[in-house]
Amino acid sequence: MKKLNLTYQCAVNGLEAYTIYTLSPARFFLILTDLDMPVMGGKLSATKIREFERKQKLRRTSIVALTGVTSTESRMECLESGIDQVFTKPIKMKDLSALVWEVQEGLRRGLG
């Protein structure tokens, strides 16, 4: 995110990510998560974020998983949990940059 000149906040686990998001959801337009994190994994964190957004009637924040898991089954579980896209690690800077641009452009057009 530094290379893209974006402000960001890191969390050490999915529960911390969920907590940080719920304290100030308007600060975030994109959440990058790993599926395999301590305390709470990325899929459960995404599910809880989606529940929070529904209850609070918030716009849907883009959630993207960065993972080493490539199975079709795992990708389907990600989508079912509320994750919007799955990228296999390592992600190239040009792909990350394109993702950020796509999400920001969608917000500008009112699609986010």
N, C-alpha and C. Protein backbone atom coordinates (compact mmCIF):
# COMPACT_ATOMS: atom_id res chain seq x y z
N MET A 1 0.82 -1.19 0.00
CA MET A 1 0.00 0.00 0.00
C MET A 1 0.86 1.26 0.00
N LYS A 2 2.05 1.16 0.60
CA LYS A 2 2.96 2.32 0.59
C LYS A 2 3.31 2.71 -0.83
N LYS A 3 3.58 1.71 -1.68
CA LYS A 3 3.96 2.00 -3.07
C LYS A 3 2.82 2.65 -3.84
N LEU A 4 1.59 2.42 -3.39
CA LEU A 4 0.43 3.01 -4.05
C LEU A 4 0.00 4.32 -3.38
N ASN A 5 0.80 4.77 -2.41
CA ASN A 5 0.52 6.00 -1.66
C ASN A 5 -0.86 6.00 -1.01
N LEU A 6 -1.21 4.87 -0.44
CA LEU A 6 -2.49 4.74 0.25
C LEU A 6 -2.26 4.58 1.75
N THR A 7 -3.13 5.17 2.53
CA THR A 7 -3.07 4.93 3.97
C THR A 7 -3.66 3.55 4.22
N TYR A 8 -3.15 2.88 5.22
CA TYR A 8 -3.63 1.54 5.53
C TYR A 8 -3.46 1.26 7.00
N GLN A 9 -4.13 0.23 7.45
CA GLN A 9 -4.00 -0.22 8.82
C GLN A 9 -3.86 -1.73 8.80
N CYS A 10 -2.92 -2.23 9.59
CA CYS A 10 -2.68 -3.67 9.65
C CYS A 10 -3.33 -4.27 10.88
N ALA A 11 -3.73 -5.51 10.77
CA ALA A 11 -4.26 -6.28 11.89
C ALA A 11 -3.48 -7.59 11.95
N VAL A 12 -3.25 -8.10 13.14
CA VAL A 12 -2.48 -9.33 13.28
C VAL A 12 -3.34 -10.59 13.18
N ASN A 13 -4.67 -10.41 13.24
CA ASN A 13 -5.56 -11.56 13.10
C ASN A 13 -6.93 -11.07 12.64
N GLY A 14 -7.78 -12.01 12.29
CA GLY A 14 -9.09 -11.67 11.75
C GLY A 14 -10.01 -10.97 12.74
N LEU A 15 -9.89 -11.32 14.01
CA LEU A 15 -10.72 -10.65 15.02
C LEU A 15 -10.31 -9.19 15.16
N GLU A 16 -9.02 -8.94 15.15
CA GLU A 16 -8.55 -7.55 15.23
C GLU A 16 -8.99 -6.77 13.99
N ALA A 17 -8.93 -7.40 12.82
CA ALA A 17 -9.37 -6.74 11.59
C ALA A 17 -10.85 -6.38 11.69
N TYR A 18 -11.65 -7.30 12.17
CA TYR A 18 -13.08 -7.05 12.33
C TYR A 18 -13.31 -5.89 13.30
N THR A 19 -12.62 -5.91 14.41
CA THR A 19 -12.78 -4.87 15.43
C THR A 19 -12.37 -3.51 14.89
N ILE A 20 -11.23 -3.44 14.22
CA ILE A 20 -10.76 -2.18 13.65
C ILE A 20 -11.79 -1.64 12.65
N TYR A 21 -12.30 -2.52 11.81
CA TYR A 21 -13.29 -2.11 10.81
C TYR A 21 -14.55 -1.57 11.48
N THR A 22 -15.07 -2.28 12.47
CA THR A 22 -16.34 -1.88 13.07
C THR A 22 -16.23 -0.58 13.87
N LEU A 23 -15.04 -0.23 14.31
CA LEU A 23 -14.87 1.02 15.04
C LEU A 23 -14.96 2.24 14.13
N SER A 24 -14.62 2.05 12.84
CA SER A 24 -14.64 3.18 11.91
C SER A 24 -14.78 2.68 10.47
N PRO A 25 -15.91 2.12 10.12
CA PRO A 25 -16.06 1.51 8.79
C PRO A 25 -15.91 2.49 7.62
N ALA A 26 -16.24 3.74 7.82
CA ALA A 26 -16.16 4.72 6.72
C ALA A 26 -14.72 4.96 6.26
N ARG A 27 -13.75 4.60 7.08
CA ARG A 27 -12.34 4.79 6.71
C ARG A 27 -11.87 3.82 5.64
N PHE A 28 -12.61 2.74 5.41
CA PHE A 28 -12.12 1.65 4.57
C PHE A 28 -12.94 1.49 3.30
N PHE A 29 -12.25 1.35 2.18
CA PHE A 29 -12.92 1.03 0.92
C PHE A 29 -12.52 -0.36 0.44
N LEU A 30 -11.46 -0.91 1.07
CA LEU A 30 -10.93 -2.20 0.66
C LEU A 30 -10.31 -2.89 1.87
N ILE A 31 -10.61 -4.18 2.02
CA ILE A 31 -10.00 -4.99 3.06
C ILE A 31 -9.27 -6.13 2.39
N LEU A 32 -7.98 -6.23 2.65
CA LEU A 32 -7.18 -7.35 2.17
C LEU A 32 -7.01 -8.31 3.33
N THR A 33 -7.28 -9.58 3.10
CA THR A 33 -7.20 -10.55 4.18
C THR A 33 -6.53 -11.83 3.72
N ASP A 34 -5.96 -12.54 4.66
CA ASP A 34 -5.46 -13.89 4.42
C ASP A 34 -6.54 -14.82 4.94
N LEU A 35 -6.61 -16.01 4.41
CA LEU A 35 -7.61 -16.95 4.90
C LEU A 35 -7.17 -17.61 6.20
N ASP A 36 -5.87 -17.83 6.33
CA ASP A 36 -5.35 -18.57 7.47
C ASP A 36 -4.66 -17.61 8.43
N MET A 37 -5.44 -17.10 9.40
CA MET A 37 -4.90 -16.17 10.40
C MET A 37 -5.23 -16.72 11.78
N PRO A 38 -4.44 -16.33 12.77
CA PRO A 38 -4.75 -16.78 14.13
C PRO A 38 -6.02 -16.12 14.66
N VAL A 39 -6.58 -16.68 15.68
CA VAL A 39 -7.75 -16.21 16.41
C VAL A 39 -9.02 -16.32 15.57
N MET A 40 -9.05 -15.67 14.40
CA MET A 40 -10.20 -15.74 13.50
C MET A 40 -9.68 -15.67 12.07
N GLY A 41 -10.04 -16.64 11.26
CA GLY A 41 -9.59 -16.68 9.88
C GLY A 41 -10.29 -15.65 9.01
N GLY A 42 -9.80 -15.48 7.81
CA GLY A 42 -10.33 -14.49 6.89
C GLY A 42 -11.77 -14.72 6.48
N LYS A 43 -12.18 -15.98 6.32
CA LYS A 43 -13.57 -16.25 5.92
C LYS A 43 -14.54 -15.87 7.03
N LEU A 44 -14.23 -16.23 8.26
CA LEU A 44 -15.12 -15.88 9.37
C LEU A 44 -15.13 -14.37 9.59
N SER A 45 -13.97 -13.74 9.47
CA SER A 45 -13.89 -12.29 9.61
C SER A 45 -14.77 -11.62 8.55
N ALA A 46 -14.71 -12.10 7.31
CA ALA A 46 -15.53 -11.54 6.23
C ALA A 46 -17.02 -11.73 6.53
N THR A 47 -17.39 -12.89 7.01
CA THR A 47 -18.78 -13.16 7.36
C THR A 47 -19.27 -12.19 8.42
N LYS A 48 -18.46 -11.95 9.44
CA LYS A 48 -18.84 -11.05 10.52
C LYS A 48 -18.92 -9.59 10.02
N ILE A 49 -17.99 -9.21 9.14
CA ILE A 49 -18.04 -7.87 8.57
C ILE A 49 -19.33 -7.69 7.76
N ARG A 50 -19.68 -8.68 6.95
CA ARG A 50 -20.91 -8.60 6.16
C ARG A 50 -22.15 -8.50 7.06
N GLU A 51 -22.17 -9.23 8.17
CA GLU A 51 -23.29 -9.14 9.12
C GLU A 51 -23.37 -7.74 9.71
N PHE A 52 -22.22 -7.19 10.08
CA PHE A 52 -22.15 -5.85 10.65
C PHE A 52 -22.67 -4.82 9.64
N GLU A 53 -22.23 -4.94 8.38
CA GLU A 53 -22.68 -4.00 7.34
C GLU A 53 -24.19 -4.06 7.17
N ARG A 54 -24.75 -5.27 7.16
CA ARG A 54 -26.21 -5.40 7.01
C ARG A 54 -26.95 -4.77 8.18
N LYS A 55 -26.49 -5.07 9.39
CA LYS A 55 -27.17 -4.54 10.58
C LYS A 55 -27.09 -3.02 10.65
N GLN A 56 -25.95 -2.46 10.23
CA GLN A 56 -25.75 -1.02 10.29
C GLN A 56 -26.19 -0.30 9.01
N LYS A 57 -26.65 -1.07 8.02
CA LYS A 57 -27.07 -0.53 6.72
C LYS A 57 -25.94 0.28 6.05
N LEU A 58 -24.76 -0.32 6.04
CA LEU A 58 -23.58 0.31 5.45
C LEU A 58 -23.38 -0.19 4.03
N ARG A 59 -22.69 0.61 3.23
CA ARG A 59 -22.31 0.13 1.90
C ARG A 59 -21.35 -1.04 2.06
N ARG A 60 -21.33 -1.88 1.09
CA ARG A 60 -20.50 -3.08 1.11
C ARG A 60 -19.05 -2.70 0.79
N THR A 61 -18.16 -2.95 1.74
CA THR A 61 -16.73 -2.72 1.54
C THR A 61 -16.15 -3.91 0.79
N SER A 62 -15.29 -3.66 -0.17
CA SER A 62 -14.67 -4.76 -0.91
C SER A 62 -13.73 -5.54 -0.01
N ILE A 63 -13.88 -6.86 0.00
CA ILE A 63 -13.00 -7.74 0.75
C ILE A 63 -12.32 -8.66 -0.24
N VAL A 64 -10.99 -8.68 -0.19
CA VAL A 64 -10.21 -9.49 -1.11
C VAL A 64 -9.28 -10.39 -0.30
N ALA A 65 -9.31 -11.68 -0.61
CA ALA A 65 -8.44 -12.64 0.06
C ALA A 65 -7.16 -12.82 -0.75
N LEU A 66 -6.05 -12.78 -0.06
CA LEU A 66 -4.75 -13.11 -0.64
C LEU A 66 -4.34 -14.43 0.01
N THR A 67 -4.21 -15.48 -0.78
CA THR A 67 -4.02 -16.80 -0.19
C THR A 67 -3.15 -17.70 -1.05
N GLY A 68 -2.61 -18.70 -0.41
CA GLY A 68 -1.86 -19.73 -1.13
C GLY A 68 -2.77 -20.89 -1.52
N VAL A 69 -4.00 -20.89 -1.03
CA VAL A 69 -4.97 -21.95 -1.30
C VAL A 69 -5.60 -21.69 -2.66
N THR A 70 -5.56 -22.69 -3.53
CA THR A 70 -6.03 -22.46 -4.90
C THR A 70 -7.18 -23.37 -5.32
N SER A 71 -7.69 -24.19 -4.43
CA SER A 71 -8.74 -25.13 -4.83
C SER A 71 -10.04 -24.41 -5.15
N THR A 72 -10.80 -24.99 -6.05
CA THR A 72 -12.10 -24.44 -6.42
C THR A 72 -13.03 -24.42 -5.21
N GLU A 73 -12.97 -25.46 -4.39
CA GLU A 73 -13.81 -25.54 -3.19
C GLU A 73 -13.52 -24.39 -2.24
N SER A 74 -12.25 -24.11 -2.02
CA SER A 74 -11.86 -23.02 -1.12
C SER A 74 -12.32 -21.67 -1.68
N ARG A 75 -12.18 -21.47 -2.98
CA ARG A 75 -12.63 -20.23 -3.61
C ARG A 75 -14.14 -20.04 -3.44
N MET A 76 -14.89 -21.12 -3.59
CA MET A 76 -16.35 -21.05 -3.42
C MET A 76 -16.70 -20.71 -1.98
N GLU A 77 -15.98 -21.30 -1.02
CA GLU A 77 -16.21 -20.99 0.39
C GLU A 77 -15.93 -19.51 0.67
N CYS A 78 -14.91 -18.98 0.03
CA CYS A 78 -14.58 -17.56 0.18
C CYS A 78 -15.74 -16.69 -0.29
N LEU A 79 -16.24 -16.97 -1.47
CA LEU A 79 -17.35 -16.18 -2.02
C LEU A 79 -18.59 -16.29 -1.14
N GLU A 80 -18.85 -17.49 -0.63
CA GLU A 80 -20.02 -17.69 0.24
C GLU A 80 -19.88 -16.94 1.55
N SER A 81 -18.64 -16.72 2.01
CA SER A 81 -18.42 -16.01 3.29
C SER A 81 -18.54 -14.50 3.14
N GLY A 82 -18.58 -14.01 1.90
CA GLY A 82 -18.68 -12.57 1.68
C GLY A 82 -17.44 -11.95 1.09
N ILE A 83 -16.43 -12.76 0.84
CA ILE A 83 -15.22 -12.27 0.18
C ILE A 83 -15.55 -12.06 -1.30
N ASP A 84 -15.13 -10.92 -1.84
CA ASP A 84 -15.49 -10.56 -3.21
C ASP A 84 -14.57 -11.17 -4.26
N GLN A 85 -13.28 -11.22 -3.95
CA GLN A 85 -12.31 -11.75 -4.91
C GLN A 85 -11.22 -12.50 -4.16
N VAL A 86 -10.59 -13.45 -4.85
CA VAL A 86 -9.50 -14.23 -4.27
C VAL A 86 -8.30 -14.14 -5.20
N PHE A 87 -7.18 -13.73 -4.64
CA PHE A 87 -5.93 -13.68 -5.39
C PHE A 87 -4.96 -14.67 -4.77
N THR A 88 -4.24 -15.39 -5.62
CA THR A 88 -3.24 -16.34 -5.15
C THR A 88 -1.93 -15.61 -4.90
N LYS A 89 -1.32 -15.89 -3.74
CA LYS A 89 -0.02 -15.30 -3.41
C LYS A 89 1.06 -15.97 -4.24
N PRO A 90 2.10 -15.29 -4.54
CA PRO A 90 2.31 -13.86 -4.30
C PRO A 90 1.56 -13.05 -5.35
N ILE A 91 1.04 -11.92 -4.95
CA ILE A 91 0.32 -11.04 -5.87
C ILE A 91 1.31 -10.02 -6.44
N LYS A 92 1.23 -9.78 -7.72
CA LYS A 92 2.11 -8.82 -8.38
C LYS A 92 1.61 -7.40 -8.11
N MET A 93 2.53 -6.47 -8.02
CA MET A 93 2.18 -5.08 -7.75
C MET A 93 1.22 -4.54 -8.81
N LYS A 94 1.40 -4.90 -10.07
CA LYS A 94 0.50 -4.40 -11.11
C LYS A 94 -0.92 -4.93 -10.90
N ASP A 95 -1.06 -6.17 -10.40
CA ASP A 95 -2.38 -6.73 -10.13
C ASP A 95 -3.02 -6.06 -8.91
N LEU A 96 -2.21 -5.78 -7.89
CA LEU A 96 -2.73 -5.08 -6.71
C LEU A 96 -3.14 -3.66 -7.07
N SER A 97 -2.33 -3.00 -7.86
CA SER A 97 -2.64 -1.65 -8.31
C SER A 97 -3.94 -1.63 -9.12
N ALA A 98 -4.10 -2.60 -10.02
CA ALA A 98 -5.32 -2.68 -10.83
C ALA A 98 -6.53 -2.95 -9.95
N LEU A 99 -6.38 -3.77 -8.93
CA LEU A 99 -7.46 -4.06 -8.01
C LEU A 99 -7.90 -2.79 -7.27
N VAL A 100 -6.94 -2.06 -6.73
CA VAL A 100 -7.24 -0.82 -6.01
C VAL A 100 -7.94 0.16 -6.94
N TRP A 101 -7.43 0.32 -8.15
CA TRP A 101 -8.04 1.24 -9.12
C TRP A 101 -9.48 0.81 -9.42
N GLU A 102 -9.69 -0.49 -9.64
CA GLU A 102 -11.02 -1.01 -9.96
C GLU A 102 -12.02 -0.73 -8.83
N VAL A 103 -11.60 -0.96 -7.59
CA VAL A 103 -12.48 -0.72 -6.44
C VAL A 103 -12.78 0.77 -6.31
N GLN A 104 -11.75 1.60 -6.43
CA GLN A 104 -11.95 3.05 -6.32
C GLN A 104 -12.84 3.57 -7.45
N GLU A 105 -12.65 3.07 -8.64
CA GLU A 105 -13.47 3.50 -9.78
C GLU A 105 -14.92 3.08 -9.57
N GLY A 106 -15.15 1.90 -9.04
CA GLY A 106 -16.50 1.45 -8.74
C GLY A 106 -17.18 2.34 -7.72
N LEU A 107 -16.42 2.81 -6.72
CA LEU A 107 -16.97 3.72 -5.72
C LEU A 107 -17.32 5.07 -6.36
N ARG A 108 -16.45 5.56 -7.24
CA ARG A 108 -16.72 6.83 -7.91
C ARG A 108 -17.99 6.74 -8.76
N ARG A 109 -18.21 5.59 -9.34
CA ARG A 109 -19.39 5.43 -10.20
C ARG A 109 -20.63 5.00 -9.40
N GLY A 110 -20.45 4.84 -8.10
CA GLY A 110 -21.58 4.45 -7.26
C GLY A 110 -21.88 2.97 -7.31
N LEU A 111 -20.89 2.17 -7.70
CA LEU A 111 -21.09 0.72 -7.80
C LEU A 111 -20.62 -0.02 -6.57
N GLY A 112 -19.99 0.68 -5.62
CA GLY A 112 -19.45 0.00 -4.46
C GLY A 112 -20.35 0.00 -3.29
